[in-house]
Amino acid sequence: MPLVRDTENAVSRHLVIASAAEAFLRAGRLDEAASLARRAVEIAEFAESPPFRALGRRVEAEVLGLRRQYDEALSHVRRGYCGVHRVRERA
């Protein structure tokens, strides 16, 4: 997708990909939302950015919930929350 294509230093992807996933989710484009959310989680893990990882996990969870995969959705919510919670405990 042109909105999140590669840049010289990949900074823009890190900053916008999770938000783009959420936008696709709100538009009802679940396949694109899931794909972007998955990429957002991967990039956020590499960048050690728990807030963006949590946002990606939340979008993944919402997509799974809309697809009635409730157990897997709950797992994504927990993994997203735990990552952010650990950071807050260290701060």
N, C-alpha and C. Protein backbone atom coordinates (compact mmCIF):
# COMPACT_ATOMS: atom_id res chain seq x y z
N MET A 1 0.83 -1.17 0.00
CA MET A 1 0.00 0.00 0.00
C MET A 1 0.88 1.24 0.00
N PRO A 2 0.63 2.19 -0.86
CA PRO A 2 1.50 3.36 -0.97
C PRO A 2 1.64 4.13 0.34
N LEU A 3 0.62 4.15 1.16
CA LEU A 3 0.68 4.92 2.40
C LEU A 3 1.81 4.45 3.31
N VAL A 4 2.11 3.18 3.29
CA VAL A 4 3.11 2.64 4.21
C VAL A 4 4.27 1.96 3.48
N ARG A 5 4.54 2.41 2.26
CA ARG A 5 5.66 1.79 1.53
C ARG A 5 6.98 2.16 2.19
N ASP A 6 8.02 1.44 1.80
CA ASP A 6 9.34 1.65 2.38
C ASP A 6 9.85 3.06 2.11
N THR A 7 10.60 3.57 3.09
CA THR A 7 11.28 4.85 2.94
C THR A 7 12.76 4.60 3.17
N GLU A 8 13.56 5.63 3.02
CA GLU A 8 15.00 5.46 3.22
C GLU A 8 15.33 4.89 4.58
N ASN A 9 14.70 5.41 5.62
CA ASN A 9 15.07 4.98 6.96
C ASN A 9 13.94 4.26 7.70
N ALA A 10 12.85 3.99 7.04
CA ALA A 10 11.72 3.23 7.58
C ALA A 10 11.03 3.91 8.76
N VAL A 11 11.36 5.17 9.02
CA VAL A 11 10.74 5.86 10.15
C VAL A 11 9.24 6.04 9.93
N SER A 12 8.84 6.41 8.75
CA SER A 12 7.42 6.66 8.53
C SER A 12 6.59 5.40 8.73
N ARG A 13 7.12 4.25 8.34
CA ARG A 13 6.38 3.00 8.56
C ARG A 13 6.14 2.79 10.05
N HIS A 14 7.16 3.01 10.84
CA HIS A 14 7.04 2.80 12.28
C HIS A 14 5.97 3.71 12.87
N LEU A 15 5.89 4.92 12.38
CA LEU A 15 4.97 5.90 12.96
C LEU A 15 3.53 5.75 12.48
N VAL A 16 3.31 5.25 11.27
CA VAL A 16 1.95 5.26 10.73
C VAL A 16 1.30 3.90 10.52
N ILE A 17 2.06 2.84 10.51
CA ILE A 17 1.49 1.56 10.07
C ILE A 17 0.37 1.06 11.00
N ALA A 18 0.54 1.20 12.31
CA ALA A 18 -0.52 0.74 13.22
C ALA A 18 -1.77 1.59 13.07
N SER A 19 -1.58 2.88 12.88
CA SER A 19 -2.73 3.76 12.67
C SER A 19 -3.41 3.47 11.34
N ALA A 20 -2.63 3.15 10.33
CA ALA A 20 -3.21 2.77 9.04
C ALA A 20 -4.02 1.48 9.18
N ALA A 21 -3.50 0.55 9.96
CA ALA A 21 -4.24 -0.70 10.20
C ALA A 21 -5.58 -0.40 10.85
N GLU A 22 -5.58 0.51 11.80
CA GLU A 22 -6.83 0.87 12.47
C GLU A 22 -7.80 1.55 11.50
N ALA A 23 -7.27 2.38 10.61
CA ALA A 23 -8.13 3.04 9.63
C ALA A 23 -8.79 2.02 8.70
N PHE A 24 -8.03 1.04 8.25
CA PHE A 24 -8.60 -0.01 7.40
C PHE A 24 -9.64 -0.82 8.17
N LEU A 25 -9.38 -1.06 9.44
CA LEU A 25 -10.35 -1.77 10.27
C LEU A 25 -11.67 -0.98 10.32
N ARG A 26 -11.58 0.30 10.58
CA ARG A 26 -12.79 1.14 10.68
C ARG A 26 -13.54 1.21 9.36
N ALA A 27 -12.80 1.05 8.26
CA ALA A 27 -13.42 1.06 6.93
C ALA A 27 -14.00 -0.30 6.56
N GLY A 28 -13.81 -1.29 7.43
CA GLY A 28 -14.34 -2.62 7.16
C GLY A 28 -13.48 -3.46 6.24
N ARG A 29 -12.27 -3.02 6.00
CA ARG A 29 -11.35 -3.77 5.12
C ARG A 29 -10.46 -4.64 6.00
N LEU A 30 -11.03 -5.76 6.45
CA LEU A 30 -10.40 -6.59 7.47
C LEU A 30 -9.11 -7.25 7.01
N ASP A 31 -9.04 -7.70 5.78
CA ASP A 31 -7.81 -8.34 5.32
C ASP A 31 -6.64 -7.37 5.33
N GLU A 32 -6.86 -6.15 4.83
CA GLU A 32 -5.80 -5.14 4.84
C GLU A 32 -5.45 -4.73 6.26
N ALA A 33 -6.46 -4.60 7.11
CA ALA A 33 -6.22 -4.24 8.51
C ALA A 33 -5.37 -5.30 9.21
N ALA A 34 -5.71 -6.55 9.00
CA ALA A 34 -4.96 -7.65 9.63
C ALA A 34 -3.52 -7.67 9.13
N SER A 35 -3.33 -7.50 7.84
CA SER A 35 -1.99 -7.51 7.27
C SER A 35 -1.14 -6.37 7.84
N LEU A 36 -1.70 -5.17 7.86
CA LEU A 36 -0.97 -4.02 8.38
C LEU A 36 -0.71 -4.16 9.88
N ALA A 37 -1.67 -4.67 10.61
CA ALA A 37 -1.49 -4.85 12.05
C ALA A 37 -0.37 -5.83 12.33
N ARG A 38 -0.33 -6.90 11.58
CA ARG A 38 0.74 -7.90 11.74
C ARG A 38 2.11 -7.26 11.48
N ARG A 39 2.19 -6.47 10.42
CA ARG A 39 3.45 -5.77 10.11
C ARG A 39 3.78 -4.75 11.19
N ALA A 40 2.76 -4.09 11.71
CA ALA A 40 2.99 -3.09 12.77
C ALA A 40 3.60 -3.74 14.00
N VAL A 41 3.10 -4.91 14.36
CA VAL A 41 3.63 -5.63 15.52
C VAL A 41 5.08 -6.01 15.27
N GLU A 42 5.38 -6.53 14.09
CA GLU A 42 6.75 -6.93 13.77
C GLU A 42 7.70 -5.74 13.84
N ILE A 43 7.31 -4.63 13.24
CA ILE A 43 8.17 -3.44 13.24
C ILE A 43 8.33 -2.90 14.66
N ALA A 44 7.25 -2.87 15.41
CA ALA A 44 7.31 -2.35 16.79
C ALA A 44 8.18 -3.23 17.68
N GLU A 45 8.13 -4.54 17.47
CA GLU A 45 9.00 -5.42 18.24
C GLU A 45 10.46 -5.17 17.90
N PHE A 46 10.75 -5.00 16.63
CA PHE A 46 12.12 -4.70 16.22
C PHE A 46 12.58 -3.36 16.79
N ALA A 47 11.68 -2.38 16.79
CA ALA A 47 12.01 -1.03 17.27
C ALA A 47 11.90 -0.91 18.78
N GLU A 48 11.49 -1.98 19.44
CA GLU A 48 11.28 -1.97 20.89
C GLU A 48 10.34 -0.82 21.29
N SER A 49 9.18 -0.81 20.65
CA SER A 49 8.18 0.23 20.87
C SER A 49 6.86 -0.39 21.35
N PRO A 50 6.73 -0.61 22.66
CA PRO A 50 5.52 -1.25 23.19
C PRO A 50 4.21 -0.56 22.84
N PRO A 51 4.13 0.77 22.81
CA PRO A 51 2.83 1.38 22.48
C PRO A 51 2.34 1.02 21.07
N PHE A 52 3.24 1.03 20.09
CA PHE A 52 2.84 0.69 18.73
C PHE A 52 2.56 -0.80 18.61
N ARG A 53 3.31 -1.62 19.35
CA ARG A 53 3.04 -3.06 19.36
C ARG A 53 1.65 -3.31 19.94
N ALA A 54 1.31 -2.62 21.02
CA ALA A 54 0.00 -2.80 21.64
C ALA A 54 -1.12 -2.37 20.70
N LEU A 55 -0.92 -1.28 19.97
CA LEU A 55 -1.94 -0.84 19.02
C LEU A 55 -2.11 -1.88 17.92
N GLY A 56 -1.01 -2.40 17.42
CA GLY A 56 -1.10 -3.46 16.41
C GLY A 56 -1.83 -4.68 16.93
N ARG A 57 -1.51 -5.09 18.16
CA ARG A 57 -2.18 -6.25 18.77
C ARG A 57 -3.67 -5.99 18.95
N ARG A 58 -4.02 -4.74 19.33
CA ARG A 58 -5.43 -4.43 19.52
C ARG A 58 -6.19 -4.53 18.21
N VAL A 59 -5.60 -4.01 17.14
CA VAL A 59 -6.26 -4.10 15.83
C VAL A 59 -6.38 -5.57 15.42
N GLU A 60 -5.32 -6.36 15.64
CA GLU A 60 -5.41 -7.79 15.34
C GLU A 60 -6.56 -8.43 16.12
N ALA A 61 -6.67 -8.07 17.39
CA ALA A 61 -7.73 -8.63 18.24
C ALA A 61 -9.11 -8.24 17.73
N GLU A 62 -9.26 -6.99 17.33
CA GLU A 62 -10.57 -6.56 16.82
C GLU A 62 -10.94 -7.30 15.54
N VAL A 63 -9.97 -7.48 14.66
CA VAL A 63 -10.23 -8.22 13.42
C VAL A 63 -10.66 -9.65 13.76
N LEU A 64 -9.92 -10.29 14.66
CA LEU A 64 -10.26 -11.65 15.06
C LEU A 64 -11.65 -11.71 15.71
N GLY A 65 -11.97 -10.72 16.53
CA GLY A 65 -13.29 -10.68 17.14
C GLY A 65 -14.39 -10.56 16.10
N LEU A 66 -14.17 -9.71 15.11
CA LEU A 66 -15.17 -9.56 14.04
C LEU A 66 -15.31 -10.85 13.23
N ARG A 67 -14.27 -11.64 13.22
CA ARG A 67 -14.31 -12.93 12.52
C ARG A 67 -14.76 -14.06 13.46
N ARG A 68 -15.18 -13.68 14.65
CA ARG A 68 -15.69 -14.62 15.66
C ARG A 68 -14.65 -15.62 16.15
N GLN A 69 -13.41 -15.22 16.14
CA GLN A 69 -12.32 -16.04 16.68
C GLN A 69 -11.97 -15.47 18.06
N TYR A 70 -12.88 -15.63 18.99
CA TYR A 70 -12.82 -14.92 20.26
C TYR A 70 -11.65 -15.31 21.15
N ASP A 71 -11.31 -16.58 21.22
CA ASP A 71 -10.19 -17.00 22.07
C ASP A 71 -8.88 -16.40 21.59
N GLU A 72 -8.68 -16.47 20.29
CA GLU A 72 -7.46 -15.89 19.73
C GLU A 72 -7.45 -14.37 19.89
N ALA A 73 -8.60 -13.74 19.75
CA ALA A 73 -8.69 -12.28 19.95
C ALA A 73 -8.30 -11.91 21.38
N LEU A 74 -8.81 -12.65 22.34
CA LEU A 74 -8.48 -12.38 23.74
C LEU A 74 -6.98 -12.56 23.99
N SER A 75 -6.39 -13.54 23.36
CA SER A 75 -4.95 -13.76 23.50
C SER A 75 -4.17 -12.55 23.00
N HIS A 76 -4.58 -11.96 21.87
CA HIS A 76 -3.90 -10.78 21.34
C HIS A 76 -4.07 -9.58 22.28
N VAL A 77 -5.24 -9.43 22.86
CA VAL A 77 -5.47 -8.33 23.79
C VAL A 77 -4.54 -8.48 24.99
N ARG A 78 -4.47 -9.68 25.53
CA ARG A 78 -3.60 -9.92 26.69
C ARG A 78 -2.14 -9.66 26.36
N ARG A 79 -1.69 -10.13 25.20
CA ARG A 79 -0.29 -9.92 24.83
C ARG A 79 0.01 -8.45 24.62
N GLY A 80 -0.91 -7.71 24.06
CA GLY A 80 -0.71 -6.28 23.88
C GLY A 80 -0.68 -5.54 25.20
N TYR A 81 -1.60 -5.88 26.08
CA TYR A 81 -1.67 -5.22 27.39
C TYR A 81 -0.44 -5.54 28.23
N CYS A 82 -0.03 -6.80 28.24
CA CYS A 82 1.12 -7.20 29.06
C CYS A 82 2.39 -6.48 28.62
N GLY A 83 2.58 -6.29 27.34
CA GLY A 83 3.76 -5.59 26.86
C GLY A 83 3.81 -4.17 27.34
N VAL A 84 2.70 -3.46 27.32
CA VAL A 84 2.65 -2.08 27.79
C VAL A 84 2.78 -2.05 29.30
N HIS A 85 2.13 -2.96 29.99
CA HIS A 85 2.15 -3.00 31.45
C HIS A 85 3.57 -3.20 31.97
N ARG A 86 4.35 -4.09 31.33
CA ARG A 86 5.74 -4.31 31.76
C ARG A 86 6.56 -3.03 31.65
N VAL A 87 6.34 -2.25 30.60
CA VAL A 87 7.08 -1.01 30.42
C VAL A 87 6.72 -0.03 31.54
N ARG A 88 5.45 0.07 31.87
CA ARG A 88 5.04 0.99 32.92
C ARG A 88 5.61 0.60 34.27
N GLU A 89 5.76 -0.70 34.53
CA GLU A 89 6.32 -1.15 35.79
C GLU A 89 7.79 -0.75 35.91
N ARG A 90 8.50 -0.74 34.79
CA ARG A 90 9.92 -0.38 34.81
C ARG A 90 10.12 1.12 34.96
N ALA A 91 9.17 1.91 34.51
CA ALA A 91 9.32 3.38 34.52
C ALA A 91 9.26 3.95 35.91
